[in-house]
Amino acid sequence: MRRRYIFRGTVQHVGLRYRAVSSASRLNITGWIQNLPDGSVMMEAQGDEAALNSLEAMILETRYGKIESSFTEIREEDDTGMFRVRL
């Protein structure tokens, strides 16, 4: 399963990318993460559903900044390779 996330809130300079990469590595998840010009952060991650759910929880545990509760636009890839929004 592949998911694309867009994190909004105070996500710059809070170690979000480092936390995401180290957590994904421990969970055997592959993907990428990058800062966007508007201050949000986009991440794409691929792995099994349980691992992706764990990754989300690990990322949200940050004490160094605030990720808004409507923190994310999450898109899951369907069988056609297209992303669909999960709210």
C-alpha atoms as a PDB file:
ATOM      1  CA  MET A   1       0.000   0.000   0.000  1.00  0.00           C
ATOM      2  CA  ARG A   2       1.211   3.500  -0.779  1.00  0.00           C
ATOM      3  CA  ARG A   3       0.067   6.701   0.923  1.00  0.00           C
ATOM      4  CA  ARG A   4       0.837  10.341   0.250  1.00  0.00           C
ATOM      5  CA  TYR A   5       0.651  12.792   3.166  1.00  0.00           C
ATOM      6  CA  ILE A   6       0.672  16.558   3.370  1.00  0.00           C
ATOM      7  CA  PHE A   7       1.438  17.810   6.883  1.00  0.00           C
ATOM      8  CA  ARG A   8       0.353  21.320   7.815  1.00  0.00           C
ATOM      9  CA  GLY A   9       0.917  23.382  10.943  1.00  0.00           C
ATOM     10  CA  THR A  10       4.226  24.287  12.548  1.00  0.00           C
ATOM     11  CA  VAL A  11       6.136  21.511  10.877  1.00  0.00           C
ATOM     12  CA  GLN A  12       9.320  23.301   9.847  1.00  0.00           C
ATOM     13  CA  HIS A  13      12.347  23.022  12.151  1.00  0.00           C
ATOM     14  CA  VAL A  14      10.688  20.407  14.398  1.00  0.00           C
ATOM     15  CA  GLY A  15      12.570  17.337  13.196  1.00  0.00           C
ATOM     16  CA  LEU A  16       9.609  15.995  11.221  1.00  0.00           C
ATOM     17  CA  ARG A  17      11.708  14.749   8.316  1.00  0.00           C
ATOM     18  CA  TYR A  18      14.256  13.124  10.615  1.00  0.00           C
ATOM     19  CA  ARG A  19      11.505  11.491  12.705  1.00  0.00           C
ATOM     20  CA  ALA A  20       9.731  10.238   9.575  1.00  0.00           C
ATOM     21  CA  VAL A  21      12.888   8.766   8.023  1.00  0.00           C
ATOM     22  CA  SER A  22      14.092   7.054  11.193  1.00  0.00           C
ATOM     23  CA  SER A  23      10.604   5.700  12.003  1.00  0.00           C
ATOM     24  CA  ALA A  24      10.078   4.462   8.450  1.00  0.00           C
ATOM     25  CA  SER A  25      13.429   2.715   8.517  1.00  0.00           C
ATOM     26  CA  ARG A  26      12.499   0.837  11.707  1.00  0.00           C
ATOM     27  CA  LEU A  27       9.162  -0.189  10.140  1.00  0.00           C
ATOM     28  CA  ASN A  28      10.652  -1.293   6.772  1.00  0.00           C
ATOM     29  CA  ILE A  29       8.733   1.434   4.950  1.00  0.00           C
ATOM     30  CA  THR A  30      10.136   3.018   1.802  1.00  0.00           C
ATOM     31  CA  GLY A  31       9.378   6.447   0.382  1.00  0.00           C
ATOM     32  CA  TRP A  32      10.424  10.086   0.480  1.00  0.00           C
ATOM     33  CA  ILE A  33       9.688  13.339   2.329  1.00  0.00           C
ATOM     34  CA  GLN A  34      10.247  16.980   1.370  1.00  0.00           C
ATOM     35  CA  ASN A  35       9.456  20.531   2.450  1.00  0.00           C
ATOM     36  CA  LEU A  36       7.022  22.429   0.216  1.00  0.00           C
ATOM     37  CA  PRO A  37       7.224  26.152  -0.614  1.00  0.00           C
ATOM     38  CA  ASP A  38       4.092  26.946   1.448  1.00  0.00           C
ATOM     39  CA  GLY A  39       5.705  25.587   4.650  1.00  0.00           C
ATOM     40  CA  SER A  40       3.915  22.256   4.624  1.00  0.00           C
ATOM     41  CA  VAL A  41       5.686  18.918   4.249  1.00  0.00           C
ATOM     42  CA  MET A  42       4.821  16.179   1.742  1.00  0.00           C
ATOM     43  CA  MET A  43       5.657  12.541   2.349  1.00  0.00           C
ATOM     44  CA  GLU A  44       5.006   9.439   0.293  1.00  0.00           C
ATOM     45  CA  ALA A  45       5.367   6.102   2.061  1.00  0.00           C
ATOM     46  CA  GLN A  46       4.938   2.519   0.931  1.00  0.00           C
ATOM     47  CA  GLY A  47       4.527  -0.539   3.149  1.00  0.00           C
ATOM     48  CA  ASP A  48       1.860  -2.709   4.713  1.00  0.00           C
ATOM     49  CA  GLU A  49      -1.178  -1.033   6.262  1.00  0.00           C
ATOM     50  CA  ALA A  50      -0.217  -1.764   9.876  1.00  0.00           C
ATOM     51  CA  ALA A  51       3.267  -0.299   9.384  1.00  0.00           C
ATOM     52  CA  LEU A  52       1.861   2.842   7.734  1.00  0.00           C
ATOM     53  CA  ASN A  53      -0.582   3.301  10.620  1.00  0.00           C
ATOM     54  CA  SER A  54       2.310   2.932  13.084  1.00  0.00           C
ATOM     55  CA  LEU A  55       4.348   5.463  11.113  1.00  0.00           C
ATOM     56  CA  GLU A  56       1.518   8.014  11.342  1.00  0.00           C
ATOM     57  CA  ALA A  57       1.321   7.548  15.119  1.00  0.00           C
ATOM     58  CA  MET A  58       5.098   7.847  15.538  1.00  0.00           C
ATOM     59  CA  ILE A  59       5.230  11.062  13.524  1.00  0.00           C
ATOM     60  CA  LEU A  60       2.398  12.663  15.482  1.00  0.00           C
ATOM     61  CA  GLU A  61       4.201  12.040  18.809  1.00  0.00           C
ATOM     62  CA  THR A  62       6.553  14.983  18.214  1.00  0.00           C
ATOM     63  CA  ARG A  63       7.069  17.332  21.174  1.00  0.00           C
ATOM     64  CA  TYR A  64       8.912  19.977  19.199  1.00  0.00           C
ATOM     65  CA  GLY A  65       6.140  21.504  17.112  1.00  0.00           C
ATOM     66  CA  LYS A  66       2.482  21.307  16.301  1.00  0.00           C
ATOM     67  CA  ILE A  67       0.969  19.414  13.432  1.00  0.00           C
ATOM     68  CA  GLU A  68      -2.604  20.609  13.036  1.00  0.00           C
ATOM     69  CA  SER A  69      -5.334  18.101  13.868  1.00  0.00           C
ATOM     70  CA  SER A  70      -6.547  18.348  10.307  1.00  0.00           C
ATOM     71  CA  PHE A  71      -2.848  17.734   9.865  1.00  0.00           C
ATOM     72  CA  THR A  72      -2.980  15.825   6.761  1.00  0.00           C
ATOM     73  CA  GLU A  73      -4.364  15.129   3.452  1.00  0.00           C
ATOM     74  CA  ILE A  74      -3.803  11.408   3.126  1.00  0.00           C
ATOM     75  CA  ARG A  75      -4.096   9.741  -0.252  1.00  0.00           C
ATOM     76  CA  GLU A  76      -4.010   5.990  -0.705  1.00  0.00           C
ATOM     77  CA  GLU A  77      -3.134   4.468  -4.036  1.00  0.00           C
ATOM     78  CA  ASP A  78      -5.809   2.224  -5.518  1.00  0.00           C
ATOM     79  CA  ASP A  79      -5.347  -0.699  -7.919  1.00  0.00           C
ATOM     80  CA  THR A  80      -5.134   1.593 -10.951  1.00  0.00           C
ATOM     81  CA  GLY A  81      -2.162   3.505  -9.533  1.00  0.00           C
ATOM     82  CA  MET A  82      -4.332   6.561  -8.867  1.00  0.00           C
ATOM     83  CA  PHE A  83      -4.469   8.191  -5.449  1.00  0.00           C
ATOM     84  CA  ARG A  84      -7.751   8.598  -3.603  1.00  0.00           C
ATOM     85  CA  VAL A  85      -8.206  10.928  -0.644  1.00  0.00           C
ATOM     86  CA  ARG A  86      -8.668   9.421   2.805  1.00  0.00           C
ATOM     87  CA  LEU A  87     -10.093  11.808   5.376  1.00  0.00           C
END
